[in-house]
Amino acid sequence: MDPQALLCRALPTVSQAWSTRDTILYALAVGAALGDEAQDEQQLRFVYEAQLQALPTLCAVLGDPGFWMRDADCALDWRRLVHGEESVRWFQQLPAQGEVIARHRVCRVEDRGTERGASFVVERLLADAATGQLLSRAWSTVVARGDGGFSPPGGPLLQLGEPAEAALTPWPARAADVVVTRPILAHQSLLYRQLADPNPLHVEPAAARRAGFERPILHGMCSFGVLALVVVNTFCNARPARLAALRMRFTAPLYPGETLDCAFWREGDQLRFRATARERQVVVLNHGWARLHPAPDEFRNPM
């Protein structure tokens, strides 16, 4: 890996239009309106066009630049790349339909050593195509397990570019304030791949085994959406405009058909959380953090 070349790489700018149908399909793909929720007026706003509101994490499937990391001139061991962390801040509520322009750049590269690999952060700025208003800013941390060790021999590990986010504070020293249980549908990855990431790892048993998993795994960004839905329903009175920021680390695979236990610690307008796959007692989402707006239409200025 050439870290400077990665930082300077020109990534695609993508324009994408989406419809109310896409917004509804995304909500269903992350588990909205499960069971009796389909009769709940508050939940219908995510899946019914007559009163439709987009879930904030719809931004994860808009303006995708494609798998550019596989290009030969990137010099990355792309087969060993994993999604390590995701962080999003929202500045405007996403409309239920519209068109966006997504701009991407690599903003940080870090050498973690020959044994641990490297990591890099890809930023995505999502703006309304008609007005130019910034809707969201996201950072995806990619762990390049086969690309570490590019620092000078005997020298410090290089950290190039700007930090994507501040370090998280320590966990609260108390039991969780709220624990929410959420089932993961057996066919959830089949739904999600209709919107993003058609990788056979998420649907084909043989492909999953070749990658080292016992069976197909859920998309990390699908679990990101599931957790966001839990936050919106539990702490925002099912009003998506109240979610201002969300961050989490993907620490283990989550399998379709499992049960997610989400533990939350509330501190004013902020939440800390982690999520465990109940059947295996494995923490699959960790170091979670969210910030809430006190009122549906209050948005802070972009930073």
Protein backbone atom coordinates (compact mmCIF):
# COMPACT_ATOMS: atom_id res chain seq x y z
CA MET A 1 0.00 0.00 0.00
CA ASP A 2 1.09 3.56 -0.80
CA PRO A 3 -0.65 5.63 1.90
CA GLN A 4 -0.05 8.97 0.21
CA ALA A 5 -1.47 7.67 -3.06
CA LEU A 6 -4.54 6.41 -1.23
CA LEU A 7 -5.07 9.80 0.43
CA CYS A 8 -4.73 11.57 -2.92
CA ARG A 9 -6.88 9.14 -4.89
CA ALA A 10 -9.80 10.73 -6.75
CA LEU A 11 -12.92 8.78 -5.81
CA PRO A 12 -16.15 8.82 -7.80
CA THR A 13 -18.77 11.54 -7.37
CA VAL A 14 -22.13 9.82 -7.65
CA SER A 15 -25.57 11.25 -8.42
CA GLN A 16 -28.53 9.07 -7.45
CA ALA A 17 -32.27 9.51 -7.47
CA TRP A 18 -34.52 7.40 -5.28
CA SER A 19 -38.25 6.88 -4.92
CA THR A 20 -40.69 6.27 -2.09
CA ARG A 21 -40.54 2.60 -3.05
CA ASP A 22 -36.80 2.54 -2.31
CA THR A 23 -37.40 4.25 1.04
CA ILE A 24 -40.02 1.67 2.00
CA LEU A 25 -37.88 -1.26 0.84
CA TYR A 26 -34.96 0.03 2.92
CA ALA A 27 -37.14 0.28 6.04
CA LEU A 28 -38.41 -3.27 5.54
CA ALA A 29 -34.83 -4.48 4.93
CA VAL A 30 -33.69 -3.20 8.34
CA GLY A 31 -36.69 -4.70 10.13
CA ALA A 32 -39.33 -1.98 10.29
CA ALA A 33 -42.98 -2.92 10.90
CA LEU A 34 -42.26 -6.40 12.28
CA GLY A 35 -45.23 -8.43 13.55
CA ASP A 36 -47.77 -6.29 15.40
CA GLU A 37 -45.80 -3.15 14.51
CA ALA A 38 -47.45 -3.32 11.08
CA GLN A 39 -50.64 -2.09 12.84
CA ASP A 40 -48.85 0.70 14.71
CA GLU A 41 -49.53 4.19 13.32
CA GLN A 42 -46.06 5.36 14.32
CA GLN A 43 -44.37 2.48 12.52
CA LEU A 44 -46.45 2.91 9.37
CA ARG A 45 -44.70 6.22 8.74
CA PHE A 46 -41.61 4.18 7.70
CA VAL A 47 -43.39 1.81 5.30
CA TYR A 48 -46.55 3.54 4.02
CA GLU A 49 -46.35 6.14 1.26
CA ALA A 50 -49.32 8.18 2.56
CA GLN A 51 -47.29 9.40 5.59
CA LEU A 52 -43.79 8.30 4.65
CA GLN A 53 -40.64 9.41 6.51
CA ALA A 54 -37.20 8.10 5.59
CA LEU A 55 -35.11 6.37 8.21
CA PRO A 56 -31.88 8.34 8.72
CA THR A 57 -29.61 5.42 7.77
CA LEU A 58 -31.12 5.32 4.28
CA CYS A 59 -28.08 7.50 3.53
CA ALA A 60 -25.96 4.32 3.73
CA VAL A 61 -27.36 3.04 0.42
CA LEU A 62 -27.39 6.35 -1.49
CA GLY A 63 -24.52 7.45 -3.69
CA ASP A 64 -22.47 4.24 -3.39
CA PRO A 65 -19.17 4.66 -5.30
CA GLY A 66 -18.84 0.93 -5.93
CA PHE A 67 -16.00 -1.37 -4.90
CA TRP A 68 -13.16 0.88 -6.08
CA MET A 69 -10.82 -0.76 -3.53
CA ARG A 70 -10.63 -3.75 -5.87
CA ASP A 71 -8.95 -1.68 -8.62
CA ALA A 72 -5.43 -2.93 -9.34
CA ASP A 73 -3.83 0.49 -8.99
CA CYS A 74 -5.05 0.73 -5.37
CA ALA A 75 -2.51 -1.99 -4.49
CA LEU A 76 -4.79 -3.29 -1.72
CA ASP A 77 -5.28 -6.92 -0.70
CA TRP A 78 -9.01 -6.43 -1.29
CA ARG A 79 -9.98 -10.02 -0.35
CA ARG A 80 -8.90 -9.29 3.24
CA LEU A 81 -10.69 -5.96 3.65
CA VAL A 82 -13.33 -5.76 6.39
CA HIS A 83 -15.66 -2.96 7.47
CA GLY A 84 -14.47 -1.98 10.95
CA GLU A 85 -16.54 1.03 12.00
CA GLU A 86 -19.22 3.39 10.73
CA SER A 87 -20.09 6.91 11.86
CA VAL A 88 -22.73 9.32 10.50
CA ARG A 89 -23.84 12.86 11.33
CA TRP A 90 -27.08 14.26 9.91
CA PHE A 91 -27.65 17.94 9.14
CA GLN A 92 -31.06 17.72 7.47
CA GLN A 93 -33.75 15.07 7.54
CA LEU A 94 -33.57 12.84 4.46
CA PRO A 95 -36.63 13.28 2.23
CA ALA A 96 -38.75 10.26 1.36
CA GLN A 97 -37.74 10.67 -2.29
CA GLY A 98 -35.33 12.86 -4.18
CA GLU A 99 -31.87 13.01 -5.68
CA VAL A 100 -28.50 13.32 -3.99
CA ILE A 101 -24.91 13.95 -4.99
CA ALA A 102 -22.35 11.93 -3.02
CA ARG A 103 -18.70 12.98 -2.82
CA HIS A 104 -16.08 10.62 -1.45
CA ARG A 105 -12.49 10.86 -0.29
CA VAL A 106 -9.99 8.93 1.81
CA CYS A 107 -9.28 11.20 4.76
CA ARG A 108 -7.04 9.04 6.97
CA VAL A 109 -4.62 6.11 6.68
CA GLU A 110 -3.06 4.34 9.65
CA ASP A 111 -0.42 1.61 9.79
CA ARG A 112 -1.26 -0.84 12.58
CA GLY A 113 1.77 -3.05 11.94
CA THR A 114 2.61 -6.08 9.83
CA GLU A 115 0.56 -8.48 11.96
CA ARG A 116 -2.51 -6.25 12.43
CA GLY A 117 -2.65 -4.66 8.99
CA ALA A 118 -3.66 -1.10 8.21
CA SER A 119 -6.84 0.94 8.33
CA PHE A 120 -8.20 3.81 6.29
CA VAL A 121 -11.24 6.05 6.58
CA VAL A 122 -13.51 6.92 3.65
CA GLU A 123 -15.67 10.02 4.00
CA ARG A 124 -18.99 10.40 2.17
CA LEU A 125 -20.70 13.80 1.90
CA LEU A 126 -24.32 13.52 0.80
CA ALA A 127 -25.97 16.68 -0.55
CA ASP A 128 -29.39 17.43 -1.99
CA ALA A 129 -28.93 17.64 -5.76
CA ALA A 130 -31.47 20.44 -6.18
CA THR A 131 -30.43 22.76 -3.34
CA GLY A 132 -26.84 21.73 -2.61
CA GLN A 133 -27.68 21.48 1.10
CA LEU A 134 -25.56 18.98 3.01
CA LEU A 135 -27.72 16.13 4.31
CA SER A 136 -25.19 13.87 6.00
CA ARG A 137 -21.50 13.21 6.53
CA ALA A 138 -20.36 9.63 7.02
CA TRP A 139 -17.04 7.97 7.81
CA SER A 140 -16.41 4.30 7.05
CA THR A 141 -13.35 2.72 8.62
CA VAL A 142 -11.95 -0.11 6.50
CA VAL A 143 -9.47 -2.56 8.03
CA ALA A 144 -6.93 -3.74 5.44
CA ARG A 145 -5.73 -6.88 7.19
CA GLY A 146 -3.07 -7.66 4.58
CA ASP A 147 -1.61 -4.18 4.06
CA GLY A 148 0.16 -3.14 7.26
CA GLY A 149 3.86 -2.58 7.81
CA PHE A 150 4.48 0.32 5.42
CA SER A 151 5.99 2.56 8.14
CA PRO A 152 9.75 3.17 8.15
CA PRO A 153 11.64 0.27 9.81
CA GLY A 154 12.05 0.97 13.50
CA GLY A 155 10.07 4.20 13.22
CA PRO A 156 6.64 5.12 14.58
CA LEU A 157 3.54 3.82 12.86
CA LEU A 158 2.32 6.45 10.43
CA GLN A 159 -0.99 8.21 10.95
CA LEU A 160 -1.74 10.32 7.91
CA GLY A 161 -4.63 12.67 7.29
CA GLU A 162 -7.20 14.13 9.63
CA PRO A 163 -8.91 12.19 12.45
CA ALA A 164 -12.40 11.12 11.44
CA GLU A 165 -13.88 11.21 14.93
CA ALA A 166 -12.79 11.89 18.50
CA ALA A 167 -11.99 8.92 20.73
CA LEU A 168 -14.91 7.49 22.66
CA THR A 169 -15.09 8.02 26.40
CA PRO A 170 -14.99 5.02 28.80
CA TRP A 171 -18.12 2.94 29.37
CA PRO A 172 -20.45 4.08 32.18
CA ALA A 173 -19.74 2.15 35.42
CA ARG A 174 -23.32 0.95 35.90
CA ALA A 175 -25.79 -1.54 34.53
CA ALA A 176 -27.49 -0.62 31.27
CA ASP A 177 -30.42 1.77 31.60
CA VAL A 178 -32.42 0.07 28.84
CA VAL A 179 -32.13 -3.28 27.04
CA VAL A 180 -34.09 -3.76 23.82
CA THR A 181 -34.45 -7.11 22.06
CA ARG A 182 -34.77 -7.18 18.29
CA PRO A 183 -35.12 -10.31 16.11
CA ILE A 184 -33.09 -10.54 12.92
CA LEU A 185 -35.19 -12.05 10.15
CA ALA A 186 -33.96 -15.23 8.50
CA HIS A 187 -34.32 -13.56 5.09
CA GLN A 188 -33.13 -10.10 6.12
CA SER A 189 -29.91 -10.18 4.09
CA LEU A 190 -31.95 -11.19 1.02
CA LEU A 191 -33.98 -8.01 1.42
CA TYR A 192 -31.02 -5.75 2.12
CA ARG A 193 -29.00 -6.87 -0.90
CA GLN A 194 -31.76 -5.54 -3.18
CA LEU A 195 -30.55 -2.06 -2.18
CA ALA A 196 -26.82 -2.45 -1.64
CA ASP A 197 -23.90 -4.89 -1.53
CA PRO A 198 -24.89 -7.96 -3.60
CA ASN A 199 -21.81 -9.86 -2.33
CA PRO A 200 -22.69 -13.61 -2.33
CA LEU A 201 -21.10 -13.82 1.15
CA HIS A 202 -24.49 -12.64 2.46
CA VAL A 203 -26.63 -15.20 0.66
CA GLU A 204 -24.63 -18.17 -0.67
CA PRO A 205 -23.53 -20.81 1.90
CA ALA A 206 -20.51 -21.91 -0.15
CA ALA A 207 -19.27 -18.33 -0.52
CA ALA A 208 -19.67 -17.78 3.22
CA ARG A 209 -17.68 -20.93 4.02
CA ARG A 210 -14.89 -19.86 1.66
CA ALA A 211 -14.69 -16.61 3.63
CA GLY A 212 -14.43 -18.51 6.92
CA PHE A 213 -18.01 -18.23 8.18
CA GLU A 214 -20.28 -21.11 9.07
CA ARG A 215 -23.14 -19.65 7.01
CA PRO A 216 -24.06 -16.38 5.24
CA ILE A 217 -23.70 -13.33 7.46
CA LEU A 218 -25.82 -10.21 7.68
CA HIS A 219 -24.45 -7.06 6.04
CA GLY A 220 -22.71 -4.88 8.60
CA MET A 221 -24.57 -1.85 7.30
CA CYS A 222 -27.86 -3.71 7.65
CA SER A 223 -27.13 -4.23 11.35
CA PHE A 224 -26.23 -0.50 11.46
CA GLY A 225 -29.73 0.25 10.16
CA VAL A 226 -31.35 -2.18 12.59
CA LEU A 227 -29.67 -0.47 15.53
CA ALA A 228 -30.64 2.98 14.23
CA LEU A 229 -34.27 1.83 14.00
CA VAL A 230 -34.11 0.65 17.63
CA VAL A 231 -32.75 4.05 18.70
CA VAL A 232 -35.42 5.96 16.75
CA ASN A 233 -38.24 3.80 18.15
CA THR A 234 -36.98 3.64 21.74
CA PHE A 235 -35.55 7.10 22.36
CA CYS A 236 -36.99 9.36 19.62
CA ASN A 237 -40.70 8.53 19.77
CA ALA A 238 -40.35 7.03 16.27
CA ARG A 239 -39.37 10.44 14.86
CA PRO A 240 -36.28 9.98 12.68
CA ALA A 241 -35.41 13.70 12.64
CA ARG A 242 -34.31 13.45 16.27
CA LEU A 243 -31.31 11.22 15.49
CA ALA A 244 -28.37 13.60 15.03
CA ALA A 245 -25.37 11.26 14.99
CA LEU A 246 -24.63 7.54 15.21
CA ARG A 247 -21.41 5.56 15.50
CA MET A 248 -20.56 1.92 16.10
CA ARG A 249 -17.85 -0.68 15.61
CA PHE A 250 -18.46 -4.05 13.94
CA THR A 251 -16.75 -6.57 16.22
CA ALA A 252 -18.21 -9.93 15.12
CA PRO A 253 -20.54 -11.25 12.39
CA LEU A 254 -24.29 -11.31 12.96
CA TYR A 255 -26.24 -14.14 11.35
CA PRO A 256 -29.76 -13.88 9.91
CA GLY A 257 -32.26 -15.54 12.23
CA GLU A 258 -30.42 -14.54 15.42
CA THR A 259 -31.71 -12.30 18.20
CA LEU A 260 -30.06 -8.98 18.96
CA ASP A 261 -29.97 -7.73 22.57
CA CYS A 262 -29.18 -4.00 22.55
CA ALA A 263 -27.99 -2.46 25.84
CA PHE A 264 -28.13 1.34 26.21
CA TRP A 265 -26.70 3.82 28.69
CA ARG A 266 -28.27 7.30 28.47
CA GLU A 267 -26.35 10.46 29.39
CA GLY A 268 -28.43 13.54 28.58
CA ASP A 269 -28.77 13.85 24.81
CA GLN A 270 -26.23 11.07 24.24
CA LEU A 271 -26.46 7.29 24.24
CA ARG A 272 -23.77 4.64 24.62
CA PHE A 273 -24.64 1.10 23.52
CA ARG A 274 -23.52 -2.37 22.56
CA ALA A 275 -25.42 -5.22 20.93
CA THR A 276 -25.07 -8.95 21.56
CA ALA A 277 -26.15 -11.95 19.48
CA ARG A 278 -28.16 -13.73 22.19
CA GLU A 279 -27.83 -17.26 20.86
CA ARG A 280 -24.01 -17.14 20.91
CA GLN A 281 -23.52 -14.45 23.60
CA VAL A 282 -21.14 -12.62 21.28
CA VAL A 283 -20.91 -8.82 21.13
CA VAL A 284 -21.41 -8.00 17.45
CA LEU A 285 -21.74 -4.19 17.67
CA ASN A 286 -19.60 -2.38 20.21
CA HIS A 287 -18.41 1.10 21.24
CA GLY A 288 -21.74 2.48 20.07
CA TRP A 289 -22.59 6.14 20.47
CA ALA A 290 -25.55 8.29 19.43
CA ARG A 291 -26.56 11.90 19.86
CA LEU A 292 -30.21 13.00 19.85
CA HIS A 293 -31.87 16.28 18.98
CA PRO A 294 -34.37 17.43 21.63
CA ALA A 295 -36.91 18.44 18.99
CA PRO A 296 -37.74 16.90 15.58
CA ASP A 297 -36.72 19.88 13.46
CA GLU A 298 -33.67 21.10 15.36
CA PHE A 299 -30.48 20.57 13.40
CA ARG A 300 -27.05 21.88 14.24
CA ASN A 301 -24.73 23.46 11.69
CA PRO A 302 -22.36 21.12 9.80
CA MET A 303 -18.90 20.75 11.29
